[in-house]
PDB file of N, CA and C in Angstrom:
ATOM      1  N   MET A   1      -2.044   7.532   8.626  1.00  0.00           N
ATOM      2  CA  MET A   1      -3.064   8.550   8.559  1.00  0.00           C
ATOM      3  C   MET A   1      -3.869   8.575   9.846  1.00  0.00           C
ATOM      4  N   ASP A   2      -4.131   7.399  10.401  1.00  0.00           N
ATOM      5  CA  ASP A   2      -4.893   7.357  11.654  1.00  0.00           C
ATOM      6  C   ASP A   2      -4.188   8.139  12.751  1.00  0.00           C
ATOM      7  N   ALA A   3      -2.878   7.952  12.872  1.00  0.00           N
ATOM      8  CA  ALA A   3      -2.115   8.676  13.888  1.00  0.00           C
ATOM      9  C   ALA A   3      -2.153  10.178  13.616  1.00  0.00           C
ATOM     10  N   SER A   4      -2.146  10.566  12.350  1.00  0.00           N
ATOM     11  CA  SER A   4      -2.227  11.991  11.999  1.00  0.00           C
ATOM     12  C   SER A   4      -3.560  12.580  12.430  1.00  0.00           C
ATOM     13  N   TYR A   5      -4.639  11.842  12.195  1.00  0.00           N
ATOM     14  CA  TYR A   5      -5.960  12.312  12.621  1.00  0.00           C
ATOM     15  C   TYR A   5      -6.040  12.426  14.148  1.00  0.00           C
ATOM     16  N   ILE A   6      -5.492  11.444  14.834  1.00  0.00           N
ATOM     17  CA  ILE A   6      -5.513  11.465  16.305  1.00  0.00           C
ATOM     18  C   ILE A   6      -4.728  12.673  16.818  1.00  0.00           C
ATOM     19  N   LEU A   7      -3.555  12.895  16.250  1.00  0.00           N
ATOM     20  CA  LEU A   7      -2.729  14.032  16.661  1.00  0.00           C
ATOM     21  C   LEU A   7      -3.439  15.353  16.350  1.00  0.00           C
ATOM     22  N   HIS A   8      -4.066  15.422  15.204  1.00  0.00           N
ATOM     23  CA  HIS A   8      -4.812  16.622  14.794  1.00  0.00           C
ATOM     24  C   HIS A   8      -5.906  16.921  15.820  1.00  0.00           C
ATOM     25  N   LYS A   9      -6.623  15.892  16.224  1.00  0.00           N
ATOM     26  CA  LYS A   9      -7.694  16.072  17.211  1.00  0.00           C
ATOM     27  C   LYS A   9      -7.117  16.437  18.580  1.00  0.00           C
ATOM     28  N   TYR A  10      -6.059  15.747  18.984  1.00  0.00           N
ATOM     29  CA  TYR A  10      -5.426  15.985  20.281  1.00  0.00           C
ATOM     30  C   TYR A  10      -4.932  17.427  20.404  1.00  0.00           C
ATOM     31  N   LYS A  11      -4.404  17.963  19.316  1.00  0.00           N
ATOM     32  CA  LYS A  11      -3.881  19.329  19.317  1.00  0.00           C
ATOM     33  C   LYS A  11      -4.992  20.363  19.107  1.00  0.00           C
ATOM     34  N   LYS A  12      -6.232  19.899  18.939  1.00  0.00           N
ATOM     35  CA  LYS A  12      -7.414  20.777  18.801  1.00  0.00           C
ATOM     36  C   LYS A  12      -7.228  21.815  17.695  1.00  0.00           C
ATOM     37  N   ILE A  13      -6.842  21.321  16.536  1.00  0.00           N
ATOM     38  CA  ILE A  13      -6.591  22.201  15.398  1.00  0.00           C
ATOM     39  C   ILE A  13      -7.895  22.583  14.696  1.00  0.00           C
ATOM     40  N   GLY A  14      -8.914  21.789  14.836  1.00  0.00           N
ATOM     41  CA  GLY A  14     -10.175  22.054  14.153  1.00  0.00           C
ATOM     42  C   GLY A  14     -10.625  20.824  13.391  1.00  0.00           C
ATOM     43  N   VAL A  15     -11.630  20.997  12.584  1.00  0.00           N
ATOM     44  CA  VAL A  15     -12.174  19.875  11.815  1.00  0.00           C
ATOM     45  C   VAL A  15     -11.521  19.871  10.434  1.00  0.00           C
ATOM     46  N   PRO A  16     -10.774  18.814  10.125  1.00  0.00           N
ATOM     47  CA  PRO A  16     -10.132  18.747   8.812  1.00  0.00           C
ATOM     48  C   PRO A  16     -11.152  18.367   7.740  1.00  0.00           C
ATOM     49  N   LYS A  17     -10.896  18.809   6.509  1.00  0.00           N
ATOM     50  CA  LYS A  17     -11.821  18.462   5.441  1.00  0.00           C
ATOM     51  C   LYS A  17     -11.448  17.149   4.746  1.00  0.00           C
ATOM     52  N   ASP A  18     -10.183  16.763   4.809  1.00  0.00           N
ATOM     53  CA  ASP A  18      -9.754  15.513   4.181  1.00  0.00           C
ATOM     54  C   ASP A  18      -8.359  15.132   4.694  1.00  0.00           C
ATOM     55  N   ASP A  19      -7.853  14.009   4.191  1.00  0.00           N
ATOM     56  CA  ASP A  19      -6.538  13.526   4.623  1.00  0.00           C
ATOM     57  C   ASP A  19      -5.439  14.559   4.401  1.00  0.00           C
ATOM     58  N   ASP A  20      -5.450  15.179   3.233  1.00  0.00           N
ATOM     59  CA  ASP A  20      -4.388  16.132   2.920  1.00  0.00           C
ATOM     60  C   ASP A  20      -4.403  17.325   3.870  1.00  0.00           C
ATOM     61  N   SER A  21      -5.591  17.790   4.233  1.00  0.00           N
ATOM     62  CA  SER A  21      -5.655  18.946   5.129  1.00  0.00           C
ATOM     63  C   SER A  21      -5.164  18.599   6.531  1.00  0.00           C
ATOM     64  N   VAL A  22      -5.356  17.355   6.953  1.00  0.00           N
ATOM     65  CA  VAL A  22      -4.837  16.926   8.257  1.00  0.00           C
ATOM     66  C   VAL A  22      -3.315  17.071   8.276  1.00  0.00           C
ATOM     67  N   ILE A  23      -2.679  16.544   7.256  1.00  0.00           N
ATOM     68  CA  ILE A  23      -1.222  16.570   7.182  1.00  0.00           C
ATOM     69  C   ILE A  23      -0.719  18.001   7.036  1.00  0.00           C
ATOM     70  N   GLU A  24      -1.361  18.774   6.179  1.00  0.00           N
ATOM     71  CA  GLU A  24      -0.953  20.163   5.970  1.00  0.00           C
ATOM     72  C   GLU A  24      -1.125  20.989   7.244  1.00  0.00           C
ATOM     73  N   ASP A  25      -2.250  20.788   7.949  1.00  0.00           N
ATOM     74  CA  ASP A  25      -2.484  21.523   9.201  1.00  0.00           C
ATOM     75  C   ASP A  25      -1.400  21.225  10.232  1.00  0.00           C
ATOM     76  N   LEU A  26      -1.032  19.958  10.356  1.00  0.00           N
ATOM     77  CA  LEU A  26       0.000  19.573  11.317  1.00  0.00           C
ATOM     78  C   LEU A  26       1.335  20.224  10.975  1.00  0.00           C
ATOM     79  N   ASN A  27       1.626  20.315   9.692  1.00  0.00           N
ATOM     80  CA  ASN A  27       2.867  20.967   9.273  1.00  0.00           C
ATOM     81  C   ASN A  27       2.801  22.470   9.486  1.00  0.00           C
ATOM     82  N   LYS A  28       1.699  23.097   9.120  1.00  0.00           N
ATOM     83  CA  LYS A  28       1.557  24.550   9.284  1.00  0.00           C
ATOM     84  C   LYS A  28       1.680  24.973  10.746  1.00  0.00           C
ATOM     85  N   LYS A  29       1.224  24.110  11.655  1.00  0.00           N
ATOM     86  CA  LYS A  29       1.302  24.408  13.088  1.00  0.00           C
ATOM     87  C   LYS A  29       2.645  23.983  13.673  1.00  0.00           C
ATOM     88  N   SER A  30       3.569  23.554  12.828  1.00  0.00           N
ATOM     89  CA  SER A  30       4.913  23.105  13.222  1.00  0.00           C
ATOM     90  C   SER A  30       4.875  21.917  14.179  1.00  0.00           C
ATOM     91  N   ILE A  31       3.863  21.073  14.012  1.00  0.00           N
ATOM     92  CA  ILE A  31       3.755  19.868  14.824  1.00  0.00           C
ATOM     93  C   ILE A  31       4.518  18.729  14.159  1.00  0.00           C
ATOM     94  N   ILE A  32       4.476  18.692  12.822  1.00  0.00           N
ATOM     95  CA  ILE A  32       5.307  17.738  12.087  1.00  0.00           C
ATOM     96  C   ILE A  32       6.167  18.529  11.108  1.00  0.00           C
ATOM     97  N   SER A  33       7.333  17.987  10.831  1.00  0.00           N
ATOM     98  CA  SER A  33       8.262  18.649   9.913  1.00  0.00           C
ATOM     99  C   SER A  33       7.826  18.428   8.460  1.00  0.00           C
ATOM    100  N   LYS A  34       8.401  19.206   7.572  1.00  0.00           N
ATOM    101  CA  LYS A  34       8.120  19.030   6.142  1.00  0.00           C
ATOM    102  C   LYS A  34       8.573  17.651   5.688  1.00  0.00           C
ATOM    103  N   GLU A  35       9.696  17.198   6.204  1.00  0.00           N
ATOM    104  CA  GLU A  35      10.202  15.868   5.832  1.00  0.00           C
ATOM    105  C   GLU A  35       9.189  14.784   6.190  1.00  0.00           C
ATOM    106  N   ILE A  36       8.646  14.846   7.393  1.00  0.00           N
ATOM    107  CA  ILE A  36       7.661  13.853   7.826  1.00  0.00           C
ATOM    108  C   ILE A  36       6.373  14.007   7.023  1.00  0.00           C
ATOM    109  N   MET A  37       5.965  15.236   6.768  1.00  0.00           N
ATOM    110  CA  MET A  37       4.773  15.474   5.951  1.00  0.00           C
ATOM    111  C   MET A  37       4.939  14.834   4.574  1.00  0.00           C
ATOM    112  N   ASP A  38       6.089  15.045   3.946  1.00  0.00           N
ATOM    113  CA  ASP A  38       6.341  14.475   2.618  1.00  0.00           C
ATOM    114  C   ASP A  38       6.345  12.947   2.655  1.00  0.00           C
ATOM    115  N   LEU A  39       6.918  12.356   3.710  1.00  0.00           N
ATOM    116  CA  LEU A  39       6.911  10.900   3.846  1.00  0.00           C
ATOM    117  C   LEU A  39       5.490  10.365   3.985  1.00  0.00           C
ATOM    118  N   ILE A  40       4.689  11.034   4.801  1.00  0.00           N
ATOM    119  CA  ILE A  40       3.307  10.593   5.003  1.00  0.00           C
ATOM    120  C   ILE A  40       2.542  10.663   3.684  1.00  0.00           C
ATOM    121  N   VAL A  41       2.712  11.742   2.956  1.00  0.00           N
ATOM    122  CA  VAL A  41       2.021  11.897   1.663  1.00  0.00           C
ATOM    123  C   VAL A  41       2.436  10.782   0.706  1.00  0.00           C
ATOM    124  N   ARG A  42       3.733  10.490   0.646  1.00  0.00           N
ATOM    125  CA  ARG A  42       4.227   9.436  -0.263  1.00  0.00           C
ATOM    126  C   ARG A  42       3.696   8.059   0.141  1.00  0.00           C
ATOM    127  N   LEU A  43       3.741   7.773   1.431  1.00  0.00           N
ATOM    128  CA  LEU A  43       3.265   6.472   1.901  1.00  0.00           C
ATOM    129  C   LEU A  43       1.748   6.355   1.800  1.00  0.00           C
ATOM    130  N   LYS A  44       1.047   7.474   1.922  1.00  0.00           N
ATOM    131  CA  LYS A  44      -0.407   7.472   1.735  1.00  0.00           C
ATOM    132  C   LYS A  44      -0.739   7.101   0.295  1.00  0.00           C
ATOM    133  N   GLY A  45       0.039   7.608  -0.640  1.00  0.00           N
ATOM    134  CA  GLY A  45      -0.146   7.252  -2.051  1.00  0.00           C
ATOM    135  C   GLY A  45       0.068   5.766  -2.275  1.00  0.00           C
ATOM    136  N   PHE A  46       1.092   5.209  -1.647  1.00  0.00           N
ATOM    137  CA  PHE A  46       1.368   3.765  -1.741  1.00  0.00           C
ATOM    138  C   PHE A  46       0.208   2.968  -1.149  1.00  0.00           C
ATOM    139  N   ARG A  47      -0.288   3.416   0.004  1.00  0.00           N
ATOM    140  CA  ARG A  47      -1.438   2.760   0.638  1.00  0.00           C
ATOM    141  C   ARG A  47      -2.647   2.784  -0.287  1.00  0.00           C
ATOM    142  N   ASN A  48      -2.887   3.919  -0.927  1.00  0.00           N
ATOM    143  CA  ASN A  48      -4.041   4.030  -1.810  1.00  0.00           C
ATOM    144  C   ASN A  48      -3.952   3.070  -2.991  1.00  0.00           C
ATOM    145  N   ILE A  49      -2.755   2.890  -3.516  1.00  0.00           N
ATOM    146  CA  ILE A  49      -2.574   1.917  -4.606  1.00  0.00           C
ATOM    147  C   ILE A  49      -2.919   0.523  -4.103  1.00  0.00           C
ATOM    148  N   LEU A  50      -2.436   0.178  -2.922  1.00  0.00           N
ATOM    149  CA  LEU A  50      -2.702  -1.151  -2.364  1.00  0.00           C
ATOM    150  C   LEU A  50      -4.189  -1.368  -2.104  1.00  0.00           C
ATOM    151  N   VAL A  51      -4.844  -0.365  -1.577  1.00  0.00           N
ATOM    152  CA  VAL A  51      -6.251  -0.497  -1.195  1.00  0.00           C
ATOM    153  C   VAL A  51      -7.170  -0.494  -2.409  1.00  0.00           C
ATOM    154  N   HIS A  52      -6.931   0.400  -3.332  1.00  0.00           N
ATOM    155  CA  HIS A  52      -7.869   0.597  -4.426  1.00  0.00           C
ATOM    156  C   HIS A  52      -7.577  -0.227  -5.671  1.00  0.00           C
ATOM    157  N   LYS A  53      -6.367  -0.746  -5.784  1.00  0.00           N
ATOM    158  CA  LYS A  53      -6.019  -1.562  -6.955  1.00  0.00           C
ATOM    159  C   LYS A  53      -5.420  -2.891  -6.517  1.00  0.00           C
ATOM    160  N   TYR A  54      -5.973  -3.442  -5.460  1.00  0.00           N
ATOM    161  CA  TYR A  54      -5.402  -4.638  -4.844  1.00  0.00           C
ATOM    162  C   TYR A  54      -5.172  -5.752  -5.848  1.00  0.00           C
ATOM    163  N   GLY A  55      -6.145  -6.042  -6.688  1.00  0.00           N
ATOM    164  CA  GLY A  55      -6.019  -7.149  -7.636  1.00  0.00           C
ATOM    165  C   GLY A  55      -4.991  -6.904  -8.717  1.00  0.00           C
ATOM    166  N   ALA A  56      -4.693  -5.640  -8.999  1.00  0.00           N
ATOM    167  CA  ALA A  56      -3.788  -5.301 -10.090  1.00  0.00           C
ATOM    168  C   ALA A  56      -2.386  -4.923  -9.609  1.00  0.00           C
ATOM    169  N   VAL A  57      -2.120  -5.101  -8.330  1.00  0.00           N
ATOM    170  CA  VAL A  57      -0.834  -4.702  -7.766  1.00  0.00           C
ATOM    171  C   VAL A  57       0.204  -5.794  -8.008  1.00  0.00           C
ATOM    172  N   ASP A  58       1.385  -5.384  -8.388  1.00  0.00           N
ATOM    173  CA  ASP A  58       2.505  -6.298  -8.602  1.00  0.00           C
ATOM    174  C   ASP A  58       3.111  -6.639  -7.245  1.00  0.00           C
ATOM    175  N   ASP A  59       2.933  -7.887  -6.800  1.00  0.00           N
ATOM    176  CA  ASP A  59       3.406  -8.305  -5.479  1.00  0.00           C
ATOM    177  C   ASP A  59       4.909  -8.112  -5.299  1.00  0.00           C
ATOM    178  N   GLU A  60       5.670  -8.371  -6.347  1.00  0.00           N
ATOM    179  CA  GLU A  60       7.120  -8.199  -6.246  1.00  0.00           C
ATOM    180  C   GLU A  60       7.486  -6.735  -6.036  1.00  0.00           C
ATOM    181  N   LEU A  61       6.771  -5.846  -6.721  1.00  0.00           N
ATOM    182  CA  LEU A  61       7.026  -4.420  -6.558  1.00  0.00           C
ATOM    183  C   LEU A  61       6.668  -3.967  -5.149  1.00  0.00           C
ATOM    184  N   VAL A  62       5.570  -4.475  -4.610  1.00  0.00           N
ATOM    185  CA  VAL A  62       5.165  -4.138  -3.241  1.00  0.00           C
ATOM    186  C   VAL A  62       6.222  -4.623  -2.260  1.00  0.00           C
ATOM    187  N   PHE A  63       6.667  -5.861  -2.416  1.00  0.00           N
ATOM    188  CA  PHE A  63       7.685  -6.417  -1.523  1.00  0.00           C
ATOM    189  C   PHE A  63       8.971  -5.587  -1.583  1.00  0.00           C
ATOM    190  N   GLU A  64       9.383  -5.257  -2.799  1.00  0.00           N
ATOM    191  CA  GLU A  64      10.602  -4.469  -2.966  1.00  0.00           C
ATOM    192  C   GLU A  64      10.444  -3.088  -2.309  1.00  0.00           C
ATOM    193  N   ASN A  65       9.291  -2.465  -2.523  1.00  0.00           N
ATOM    194  CA  ASN A  65       9.041  -1.146  -1.948  1.00  0.00           C
ATOM    195  C   ASN A  65       9.049  -1.196  -0.421  1.00  0.00           C
ATOM    196  N   LEU A  66       8.429  -2.207   0.138  1.00  0.00           N
ATOM    197  CA  LEU A  66       8.376  -2.324   1.596  1.00  0.00           C
ATOM    198  C   LEU A  66       9.749  -2.618   2.197  1.00  0.00           C
ATOM    199  N   THR A  67      10.501  -3.503   1.580  1.00  0.00           N
ATOM    200  CA  THR A  67      11.803  -3.858   2.149  1.00  0.00           C
ATOM    201  C   THR A  67      12.825  -2.737   1.981  1.00  0.00           C
ATOM    202  N   LYS A  68      12.779  -2.031   0.857  1.00  0.00           N
ATOM    203  CA  LYS A  68      13.730  -0.944   0.626  1.00  0.00           C
ATOM    204  C   LYS A  68      13.382   0.299   1.433  1.00  0.00           C
ATOM    205  N   ASN A  69      12.109   0.497   1.693  1.00  0.00           N
ATOM    206  CA  ASN A  69      11.672   1.741   2.325  1.00  0.00           C
ATOM    207  C   ASN A  69      11.086   1.544   3.718  1.00  0.00           C
ATOM    208  N   ILE A  70      11.387   0.429   4.346  1.00  0.00           N
ATOM    209  CA  ILE A  70      10.850   0.171   5.681  1.00  0.00           C
ATOM    210  C   ILE A  70      11.314   1.241   6.662  1.00  0.00           C
ATOM    211  N   HIS A  71      12.488   1.825   6.414  1.00  0.00           N
ATOM    212  CA  HIS A  71      12.984   2.883   7.303  1.00  0.00           C
ATOM    213  C   HIS A  71      12.068   4.109   7.300  1.00  0.00           C
ATOM    214  N   ASP A  72      11.341   4.317   6.189  1.00  0.00           N
ATOM    215  CA  ASP A  72      10.391   5.436   6.146  1.00  0.00           C
ATOM    216  C   ASP A  72       9.246   5.221   7.130  1.00  0.00           C
ATOM    217  N   PHE A  73       8.744   3.996   7.186  1.00  0.00           N
ATOM    218  CA  PHE A  73       7.690   3.667   8.151  1.00  0.00           C
ATOM    219  C   PHE A  73       8.202   3.861   9.570  1.00  0.00           C
ATOM    220  N   GLU A  74       9.405   3.351   9.815  1.00  0.00           N
ATOM    221  CA  GLU A  74      10.004   3.452  11.146  1.00  0.00           C
ATOM    222  C   GLU A  74      10.228   4.914  11.534  1.00  0.00           C
ATOM    223  N   LYS A  75      10.651   5.721  10.574  1.00  0.00           N
ATOM    224  CA  LYS A  75      10.906   7.138  10.848  1.00  0.00           C
ATOM    225  C   LYS A  75       9.615   7.840  11.282  1.00  0.00           C
ATOM    226  N   ILE A  76       8.516   7.551  10.593  1.00  0.00           N
ATOM    227  CA  ILE A  76       7.234   8.169  10.942  1.00  0.00           C
ATOM    228  C   ILE A  76       6.758   7.684  12.306  1.00  0.00           C
ATOM    229  N   VAL A  77       6.841   6.388  12.542  1.00  0.00           N
ATOM    230  CA  VAL A  77       6.414   5.832  13.833  1.00  0.00           C
ATOM    231  C   VAL A  77       7.227   6.448  14.965  1.00  0.00           C
ATOM    232  N   ASN A  78       8.529   6.487  14.817  1.00  0.00           N
ATOM    233  CA  ASN A  78       9.385   7.054  15.862  1.00  0.00           C
ATOM    234  C   ASN A  78       9.115   8.542  16.070  1.00  0.00           C
ATOM    235  N   TYR A  79       8.848   9.260  14.998  1.00  0.00           N
ATOM    236  CA  TYR A  79       8.525  10.679  15.098  1.00  0.00           C
ATOM    237  C   TYR A  79       7.251  10.879  15.933  1.00  0.00           C
ATOM    238  N   PHE A  80       6.202  10.094  15.603  1.00  0.00           N
ATOM    239  CA  PHE A  80       4.958  10.216  16.340  1.00  0.00           C
ATOM    240  C   PHE A  80       5.107   9.759  17.798  1.00  0.00           C
ATOM    241  N   LEU A  81       5.883   8.722  18.018  1.00  0.00           N
ATOM    242  CA  LEU A  81       6.129   8.307  19.401  1.00  0.00           C
ATOM    243  C   LEU A  81       6.854   9.381  20.180  1.00  0.00           C
ATOM    244  N   GLY A  82       7.789  10.057  19.531  1.00  0.00           N
ATOM    245  CA  GLY A  82       8.499  11.155  20.176  1.00  0.00           C
ATOM    246  C   GLY A  82       7.556  12.294  20.549  1.00  0.00           C
ATOM    247  N   LEU A  83       6.587  12.566  19.691  1.00  0.00           N
ATOM    248  CA  LEU A  83       5.588  13.605  19.998  1.00  0.00           C
ATOM    249  C   LEU A  83       4.736  13.212  21.194  1.00  0.00           C
ATOM    250  N   MET A  84       4.451  11.929  21.328  1.00  0.00           N
ATOM    251  CA  MET A  84       3.616  11.444  22.432  1.00  0.00           C
ATOM    252  C   MET A  84       4.359  11.561  23.760  1.00  0.00           C
ATOM    253  N   ASN A  85       5.671  11.499  23.720  1.00  0.00           N
ATOM    254  CA  ASN A  85       6.465  11.536  24.953  1.00  0.00           C
ATOM    255  C   ASN A  85       6.802  12.963  25.396  1.00  0.00           C
ATOM    256  N   LYS A  86       6.341  13.964  24.658  1.00  0.00           N
ATOM    257  CA  LYS A  86       6.623  15.365  25.034  1.00  0.00           C
ATOM    258  C   LYS A  86       5.594  15.877  26.006  1.00  0.00           C
TER     259      LYS A  86
END
């Protein structure tokens, strides 16, 4: 999300009202693809579970989710790095 906010500011899109509007604005301006937008939204949901329900989170489920879906994190990072190199 931090990288999304930075990109939003760098592209001078305006003042976002919340996390979702940042991601939607970037997609509407064709700065990020729908695929990347959907990944960010899904991973943001996972982050929110970790942050807001830390004590009630199943560690095994978190480990499984991270190891099975690490490519999603890598895909987003590489996408944003590619945008920085343009």
